[in-house]
Amino acid sequence: MAAATAAGAAAAAAAISLFAYYLLLRKSGSKLPWTLTTRGNGRRTRRKGLMQAIGNTPLIRINSLSDATGCEILGKAEFLNPGGSVKDRVAVKIIEEALESGVLVCGGVVTEGSAGSTAISLATVAPAYGCRCHVVIPDDAAVEKSQIIEALGAIVERVRPVSITHKDHFVNIARRRALEANIASAQSETNKMQTNGSAHVTVEMLHPKQTNGSEYANTEVPHNGKELCPDSGSKGGFFADQFENLANYRAHYEWTGPEIWEQTKGTLHAFVAAAGTGGTIAGVSRYLKEKNRNVRCFLMDPPGSGLFNKVTRGVMYTKEEAEGKRLKNPFDTVTEGIGINRVTANFMMAELDGAYRGTDREAVEMSRYIPP
């Protein structure tokens, strides 16, 4: 097969994110319980406005694969969320937890380093909570993603791709932007206090881990998850930190996992997903395993990612790389947003029975095969 075109790459990415996301298998020929609607675990009823449209996505039977295998293979239709992906759930959970803890306040700016989907979701959700959004994205990501994020009103900063250990990696820049926003907010408060005749103002600088990467916490504006504060200008920054912030994992453990379990009435046999941050596969797998230890959970990993090795061999490198042959730039893949060469805090929460290695060619070909 010839090298994938840009259209093929987009189709492959879509196939991964929309259909390979969840595969729930059971023997065919019996009643299909997932055709029934569900209110999930009740959390959705406590949200208002735009957030009501997030979650409760249907399970869609993938006819081509189900008919070919004799199993019922289902895809969780997360593309029906307002932001177009499962990351809407993560954005809601991250922002709600940050507001409830006080590390983010209404009027503040949420910053994130993202290749696309999470950035779109944060840009969609943040305004509903009275917050703004600043996204740092690698300039080799699809330009359409940047255009969507900007259209949603967020600030987009495109930067050159570098190693995660480099200070100018897009995730590290996003962390700095949150700190800069906090410093600017603190200086603004100092100026206001001086103008009003106050002689002193205290700014509490916290370690990034205490605030999920946001190094200044303003706790004066509480958040009850129901009402929004009026826009009153910048109120500091908060680094969403989707890779290490366990709100990502909790979004799926408390929300997506229970939703799948109820939609299938507990009849599923297996769950398969790719991983980027690892929050989805971790939260869903752990929840399903707690409900039924016999549910099998598997990772599907793209070319170059180290997670397949981590799950199957306990290390991130291949046997060849162990012999000192690792390349400086070991891979490139058309599947944006999945695969990684480090173990995140979210992925560490996963309970997996095994992993599979996919190829770009398989992804592109499957994107053409799945729709019928």
Protein backbone atom coordinates (compact mmCIF):
# COMPACT_ATOMS: atom_id res chain seq x y z
CA MET A 1 0.00 0.00 0.00
CA ALA A 2 1.33 3.42 -0.90
CA ALA A 3 2.32 5.85 1.81
CA ALA A 4 -0.66 7.41 3.56
CA THR A 5 -1.78 10.76 2.26
CA ALA A 6 -2.87 13.62 4.49
CA ALA A 7 -6.45 12.49 4.02
CA GLY A 8 -5.47 8.96 4.93
CA ALA A 9 -3.74 10.17 8.05
CA ALA A 10 -6.79 12.09 9.12
CA ALA A 11 -9.01 9.11 8.45
CA ALA A 12 -6.71 6.84 10.43
CA ALA A 13 -6.69 9.20 13.37
CA ALA A 14 -10.46 9.39 13.21
CA ALA A 15 -10.75 5.63 13.12
CA ILE A 16 -8.53 5.28 16.18
CA SER A 17 -10.32 7.95 18.20
CA LEU A 18 -13.88 7.15 17.22
CA PHE A 19 -14.04 3.40 16.90
CA ALA A 20 -10.91 1.66 18.20
CA TYR A 21 -11.53 3.64 21.35
CA TYR A 22 -13.81 1.05 22.93
CA LEU A 23 -14.42 -2.45 21.68
CA LEU A 24 -16.87 -4.38 23.81
CA LEU A 25 -17.15 -8.01 22.80
CA ARG A 26 -19.73 -10.68 23.54
CA LYS A 27 -21.19 -13.60 21.65
CA SER A 28 -23.65 -12.58 18.95
CA GLY A 29 -27.19 -13.82 18.62
CA SER A 30 -28.57 -12.63 21.95
CA LYS A 31 -30.42 -9.52 23.02
CA LEU A 32 -28.46 -6.28 22.65
CA PRO A 33 -28.78 -4.40 25.97
CA TRP A 34 -26.65 -1.47 24.84
CA THR A 35 -29.43 -0.22 22.55
CA LEU A 36 -31.15 1.10 25.66
CA THR A 37 -30.42 4.64 26.84
CA THR A 38 -28.97 5.34 30.25
CA ARG A 39 -28.37 8.33 32.50
CA GLY A 40 -24.94 7.02 33.41
CA ASN A 41 -24.09 7.02 37.13
CA GLY A 42 -26.16 10.12 37.87
CA ARG A 43 -23.33 12.64 37.70
CA ARG A 44 -24.63 14.17 34.50
CA THR A 45 -27.88 15.29 36.12
CA ARG A 46 -25.90 17.62 38.40
CA ARG A 47 -24.48 19.63 35.52
CA LYS A 48 -26.19 22.40 33.60
CA GLY A 49 -25.90 24.10 30.23
CA LEU A 50 -23.27 22.85 27.81
CA MET A 51 -22.08 20.19 30.25
CA GLN A 52 -25.41 18.39 29.91
CA ALA A 53 -24.44 17.46 26.36
CA ILE A 54 -21.22 15.77 27.48
CA GLY A 55 -21.25 12.05 28.10
CA ASN A 56 -24.07 9.51 27.79
CA THR A 57 -22.75 8.73 24.31
CA PRO A 58 -24.17 5.63 22.61
CA LEU A 59 -22.45 2.38 21.85
CA ILE A 60 -22.54 1.80 18.11
CA ARG A 61 -22.37 -1.68 16.62
CA ILE A 62 -19.52 -1.89 14.11
CA ASN A 63 -21.27 -4.03 11.54
CA SER A 64 -18.24 -4.84 9.38
CA LEU A 65 -16.18 -6.21 12.25
CA SER A 66 -19.07 -7.84 14.10
CA ASP A 67 -20.24 -9.71 11.02
CA ALA A 68 -16.71 -10.77 10.13
CA THR A 69 -15.82 -12.11 13.58
CA GLY A 70 -19.14 -13.42 14.89
CA CYS A 71 -18.79 -11.21 17.97
CA GLU A 72 -20.63 -8.05 18.86
CA ILE A 73 -17.98 -5.34 18.53
CA LEU A 74 -19.06 -1.89 19.64
CA GLY A 75 -17.55 1.56 19.44
CA LYS A 76 -18.23 4.20 22.08
CA ALA A 77 -19.33 7.22 20.05
CA GLU A 78 -17.32 9.86 21.89
CA PHE A 79 -17.28 12.02 18.76
CA LEU A 80 -20.84 13.02 19.72
CA ASN A 81 -19.55 15.11 22.64
CA PRO A 82 -19.73 18.88 21.90
CA GLY A 83 -15.95 19.14 21.49
CA GLY A 84 -15.85 16.07 19.27
CA SER A 85 -13.92 13.70 21.52
CA VAL A 86 -13.71 11.87 24.85
CA LYS A 87 -11.53 14.71 26.14
CA ASP A 88 -14.63 16.76 26.90
CA ARG A 89 -15.10 14.54 29.96
CA VAL A 90 -11.53 15.18 31.05
CA ALA A 91 -11.82 18.94 30.55
CA VAL A 92 -14.95 19.06 32.71
CA LYS A 93 -13.38 17.00 35.48
CA ILE A 94 -10.08 18.89 35.52
CA ILE A 95 -11.76 22.29 35.62
CA GLU A 96 -14.39 21.31 38.20
CA GLU A 97 -11.80 19.84 40.56
CA ALA A 98 -9.55 22.87 40.15
CA LEU A 99 -12.41 25.28 40.87
CA GLU A 100 -13.60 23.27 43.86
CA SER A 101 -10.08 23.17 45.36
CA GLY A 102 -9.46 26.86 44.70
CA VAL A 103 -6.37 26.50 42.49
CA LEU A 104 -8.47 27.95 39.64
CA VAL A 105 -10.99 30.75 40.00
CA CYS A 106 -13.64 32.18 37.73
CA GLY A 107 -11.94 34.64 35.42
CA GLY A 108 -8.71 32.65 35.48
CA VAL A 109 -6.96 31.16 32.48
CA VAL A 110 -6.57 27.42 31.94
CA THR A 111 -3.34 26.56 30.11
CA GLU A 112 -2.47 23.27 28.49
CA GLY A 113 0.05 21.71 26.14
CA SER A 114 -1.90 19.54 23.74
CA ALA A 115 -1.66 18.06 20.26
CA GLY A 116 -5.30 18.85 19.69
CA SER A 117 -8.23 17.00 21.25
CA THR A 118 -7.76 18.11 24.86
CA ALA A 119 -7.08 21.64 23.70
CA ILE A 120 -10.35 21.69 21.77
CA SER A 121 -12.23 20.33 24.77
CA LEU A 122 -10.72 22.85 27.19
CA ALA A 123 -11.46 25.68 24.78
CA THR A 124 -15.05 24.42 24.56
CA VAL A 125 -15.63 23.86 28.26
CA ALA A 126 -13.60 26.60 30.01
CA PRO A 127 -15.88 29.52 29.01
CA ALA A 128 -18.86 27.65 30.47
CA TYR A 129 -17.11 27.89 33.85
CA GLY A 130 -16.24 31.57 33.42
CA CYS A 131 -12.62 30.84 32.54
CA ARG A 132 -10.35 31.53 29.55
CA CYS A 133 -8.06 29.11 27.75
CA HIS A 134 -4.47 29.32 26.47
CA VAL A 135 -3.22 26.37 24.44
CA VAL A 136 0.36 25.56 23.42
CA ILE A 137 0.43 23.13 20.49
CA PRO A 138 3.29 21.63 18.43
CA ASP A 139 3.44 23.15 14.96
CA ASP A 140 3.47 19.75 13.29
CA ALA A 141 -0.08 19.04 14.46
CA ALA A 142 -2.88 19.46 11.93
CA VAL A 143 -3.46 23.16 11.33
CA GLU A 144 -7.21 22.53 11.35
CA LYS A 145 -6.96 21.83 15.08
CA SER A 146 -5.44 25.24 15.72
CA GLN A 147 -8.15 26.86 13.64
CA ILE A 148 -10.89 25.12 15.64
CA ILE A 149 -9.30 26.13 18.96
CA GLU A 150 -9.00 29.76 17.88
CA ALA A 151 -12.59 29.74 16.62
CA LEU A 152 -13.64 28.68 20.12
CA GLY A 153 -12.01 31.82 21.51
CA ALA A 154 -8.85 30.37 23.01
CA ILE A 155 -5.33 31.72 22.56
CA VAL A 156 -3.24 29.33 20.47
CA GLU A 157 0.56 29.27 20.64
CA ARG A 158 2.26 27.01 18.08
CA VAL A 159 5.82 25.96 18.91
CA ARG A 160 8.44 23.66 17.37
CA PRO A 161 8.41 20.02 18.56
CA VAL A 162 11.18 19.13 21.00
CA SER A 163 11.80 16.46 23.64
CA ILE A 164 9.63 16.51 26.76
CA THR A 165 12.84 17.08 28.73
CA HIS A 166 13.47 20.36 26.87
CA LYS A 167 12.33 23.55 28.58
CA ASP A 168 10.58 24.62 25.39
CA HIS A 169 8.52 21.46 24.92
CA PHE A 170 4.92 22.57 24.38
CA VAL A 171 3.81 21.06 27.71
CA ASN A 172 6.57 22.88 29.62
CA ILE A 173 5.73 26.15 27.89
CA ALA A 174 2.08 25.74 28.90
CA ARG A 175 3.18 25.24 32.50
CA ARG A 176 5.18 28.48 32.30
CA ARG A 177 2.22 30.37 30.86
CA ALA A 178 0.17 29.46 33.93
CA LEU A 179 2.96 30.70 36.20
CA GLU A 180 3.24 33.92 34.20
CA ALA A 181 -0.50 34.48 34.54
CA ASN A 182 -0.24 33.95 38.30
CA ILE A 183 2.63 36.41 38.59
CA ALA A 184 0.76 38.99 36.54
CA SER A 185 -2.34 38.50 38.68
CA ALA A 186 -0.33 38.85 41.88
CA GLN A 187 1.31 42.04 40.61
CA SER A 188 -2.08 43.42 39.65
CA GLU A 189 -3.41 42.71 43.13
CA THR A 190 -0.32 44.36 44.64
CA ASN A 191 -0.89 47.48 42.55
CA LYS A 192 -4.54 47.61 43.58
CA MET A 193 -3.65 47.29 47.23
CA GLN A 194 -1.04 50.01 46.96
CA THR A 195 -3.47 52.25 45.15
CA ASN A 196 -5.98 51.70 47.93
CA GLY A 197 -3.37 52.59 50.54
CA SER A 198 -2.56 49.12 51.73
CA ALA A 199 1.08 48.68 52.65
CA HIS A 200 1.43 44.93 52.14
CA VAL A 201 0.01 42.05 50.10
CA THR A 202 0.96 38.40 50.47
CA VAL A 203 1.37 36.10 47.49
CA GLU A 204 1.56 32.41 48.27
CA MET A 205 3.80 30.52 45.86
CA LEU A 206 3.14 26.80 45.93
CA HIS A 207 5.05 23.87 44.52
CA PRO A 208 3.62 22.79 41.14
CA LYS A 209 2.60 19.38 42.50
CA GLN A 210 0.42 21.05 45.11
CA THR A 211 -1.65 22.70 42.43
CA ASN A 212 -1.33 20.29 39.49
CA GLY A 213 1.26 22.58 37.96
CA SER A 214 -0.31 25.94 38.72
CA GLU A 215 2.12 27.64 41.05
CA TYR A 216 -0.19 30.21 42.59
CA ALA A 217 -3.42 29.37 44.36
CA ASN A 218 -6.18 31.93 44.86
CA THR A 219 -8.83 30.46 47.14
CA GLU A 220 -11.12 33.47 47.57
CA VAL A 221 -13.71 32.40 44.98
CA PRO A 222 -15.38 29.05 45.81
CA HIS A 223 -17.05 26.90 43.15
CA ASN A 224 -20.13 24.82 43.78
CA GLY A 225 -20.34 23.27 40.32
CA LYS A 226 -23.65 24.99 39.56
CA GLU A 227 -23.24 28.73 39.19
CA LEU A 228 -20.65 30.76 37.34
CA CYS A 229 -18.88 33.92 38.37
CA PRO A 230 -19.12 37.02 36.17
CA ASP A 231 -16.08 37.83 34.06
CA SER A 232 -13.92 40.21 36.08
CA GLY A 233 -10.65 40.11 34.22
CA SER A 234 -7.65 37.84 34.71
CA LYS A 235 -7.54 35.95 37.99
CA GLY A 236 -4.34 33.99 37.53
CA GLY A 237 -3.59 30.77 35.71
CA PHE A 238 -3.97 27.03 36.14
CA PHE A 239 -1.97 24.39 34.28
CA ALA A 240 -4.36 21.55 33.41
CA ASP A 241 -1.52 19.00 33.17
CA GLN A 242 -3.62 16.30 31.48
CA PHE A 243 -0.77 13.75 31.51
CA GLU A 244 -0.13 13.78 35.26
CA ASN A 245 -3.34 15.24 36.70
CA LEU A 246 -5.32 12.28 38.05
CA ALA A 247 -8.58 14.15 37.47
CA ASN A 248 -8.11 12.71 33.96
CA TYR A 249 -8.21 9.15 35.32
CA ARG A 250 -11.09 9.97 37.67
CA ALA A 251 -13.21 11.34 34.82
CA HIS A 252 -13.27 7.85 33.33
CA TYR A 253 -13.34 5.86 36.55
CA GLU A 254 -16.31 7.85 37.87
CA TRP A 255 -18.07 8.60 34.59
CA THR A 256 -17.12 6.69 31.42
CA GLY A 257 -16.56 3.30 33.03
CA PRO A 258 -19.90 3.25 34.87
CA GLU A 259 -21.61 4.46 31.70
CA ILE A 260 -20.23 1.53 29.68
CA TRP A 261 -21.10 -0.95 32.42
CA GLU A 262 -24.71 0.24 32.59
CA GLN A 263 -25.13 0.42 28.81
CA THR A 264 -24.00 -3.20 28.44
CA LYS A 265 -25.74 -4.31 31.63
CA GLY A 266 -22.46 -5.87 32.65
CA THR A 267 -22.39 -8.36 29.77
CA LEU A 268 -19.17 -7.19 28.11
CA HIS A 269 -16.22 -9.55 27.85
CA ALA A 270 -13.41 -7.24 26.74
CA PHE A 271 -12.39 -3.62 26.44
CA VAL A 272 -9.72 -2.30 24.04
CA ALA A 273 -8.35 1.24 23.80
CA ALA A 274 -5.31 3.19 22.70
CA ALA A 275 -3.54 5.50 25.14
CA GLY A 276 -1.94 8.92 25.06
CA THR A 277 -2.17 10.39 28.55
CA GLY A 278 -3.49 7.02 29.70
CA GLY A 279 -6.46 8.44 31.60
CA THR A 280 -9.15 6.72 29.58
CA ILE A 281 -7.73 3.22 29.53
CA ALA A 282 -6.78 3.53 33.20
CA GLY A 283 -10.10 4.80 34.49
CA VAL A 284 -12.28 2.48 32.42
CA SER A 285 -10.16 -0.64 32.92
CA ARG A 286 -9.93 -0.18 36.67
CA TYR A 287 -13.67 0.38 37.02
CA LEU A 288 -14.59 -2.61 34.83
CA LYS A 289 -12.14 -4.85 36.68
CA GLU A 290 -13.69 -3.84 39.99
CA LYS A 291 -17.13 -4.75 38.66
CA ASN A 292 -16.00 -8.06 37.13
CA ARG A 293 -12.45 -9.41 37.30
CA ASN A 294 -13.17 -11.56 34.23
CA VAL A 295 -13.50 -8.55 31.90
CA ARG A 296 -10.35 -8.51 29.80
CA CYS A 297 -8.71 -5.12 29.13
CA PHE A 298 -6.14 -4.52 26.40
CA LEU A 299 -4.01 -1.69 25.04
CA MET A 300 -3.64 -1.03 21.30
CA ASP A 301 -0.39 0.87 20.75
CA PRO A 302 0.81 2.68 17.58
CA PRO A 303 4.30 2.52 16.01
CA GLY A 304 7.12 3.86 18.17
CA SER A 305 5.20 4.09 21.42
CA GLY A 306 6.82 2.45 24.43
CA LEU A 307 3.60 1.46 26.20
CA PHE A 308 3.32 -1.87 24.37
CA ASN A 309 6.74 -2.83 25.71
CA LYS A 310 5.83 -1.60 29.18
CA VAL A 311 2.71 -3.77 29.33
CA THR A 312 4.21 -6.89 27.73
CA ARG A 313 7.84 -6.76 28.96
CA GLY A 314 7.79 -4.39 31.92
CA VAL A 315 10.15 -1.89 30.26
CA MET A 316 9.67 0.93 27.75
CA TYR A 317 12.33 -0.16 25.25
CA THR A 318 12.42 -3.01 22.73
CA LYS A 319 14.90 -5.89 22.74
CA GLU A 320 16.82 -4.21 19.92
CA GLU A 321 16.97 -0.90 21.79
CA ALA A 322 18.32 -2.75 24.81
CA GLU A 323 21.38 -3.52 22.70
CA GLY A 324 22.11 0.19 22.30
CA LYS A 325 20.54 0.61 18.88
CA ARG A 326 17.82 3.09 19.82
CA LEU A 327 17.38 5.84 17.26
CA LYS A 328 17.39 9.50 18.24
CA ASN A 329 14.00 9.95 16.59
CA PRO A 330 12.61 6.42 16.78
CA PHE A 331 9.33 6.82 14.97
CA ASP A 332 6.75 8.87 13.18
CA THR A 333 3.10 7.89 12.91
CA VAL A 334 -0.06 9.19 11.28
CA THR A 335 -2.09 8.55 14.45
CA GLU A 336 -2.02 11.83 16.35
CA GLY A 337 -2.72 11.94 20.06
CA ILE A 338 -1.94 8.33 21.01
CA GLY A 339 1.29 6.60 21.90
CA ILE A 340 3.98 7.91 24.24
CA ASN A 341 7.49 7.03 25.42
CA ARG A 342 7.06 7.63 29.12
CA VAL A 343 4.73 6.27 31.79
CA THR A 344 2.32 8.91 33.07
CA ALA A 345 0.67 9.02 36.48
CA ASN A 346 -2.63 8.32 34.76
CA PHE A 347 -1.41 5.27 32.84
CA MET A 348 0.02 3.80 36.04
CA MET A 349 -3.56 3.42 37.28
CA ALA A 350 -4.50 1.03 34.44
CA GLU A 351 -5.27 -2.66 35.01
CA LEU A 352 -4.45 -4.43 31.75
CA ASP A 353 -4.35 -8.04 30.64
CA GLY A 354 -2.13 -7.40 27.63
CA ALA A 355 -1.30 -5.16 24.69
CA TYR A 356 -1.21 -5.25 20.89
CA ARG A 357 1.00 -3.37 18.47
CA GLY A 358 -0.75 -1.76 15.50
CA THR A 359 0.76 -0.24 12.36
CA ASP A 360 -0.03 2.86 10.35
CA ARG A 361 -1.00 0.72 7.40
CA GLU A 362 -3.49 -1.22 9.53
CA ALA A 363 -4.94 2.00 10.88
CA VAL A 364 -5.45 3.52 7.43
CA GLU A 365 -6.90 0.33 5.97
CA MET A 366 -9.21 -0.18 8.98
CA SER A 367 -10.48 3.39 8.66
CA ARG A 368 -11.82 2.39 5.23
CA TYR A 369 -13.16 -0.96 6.42
CA ILE A 370 -14.97 0.05 9.61
CA PRO A 371 -17.71 2.44 8.36
CA PRO A 372 -20.05 -0.04 6.54
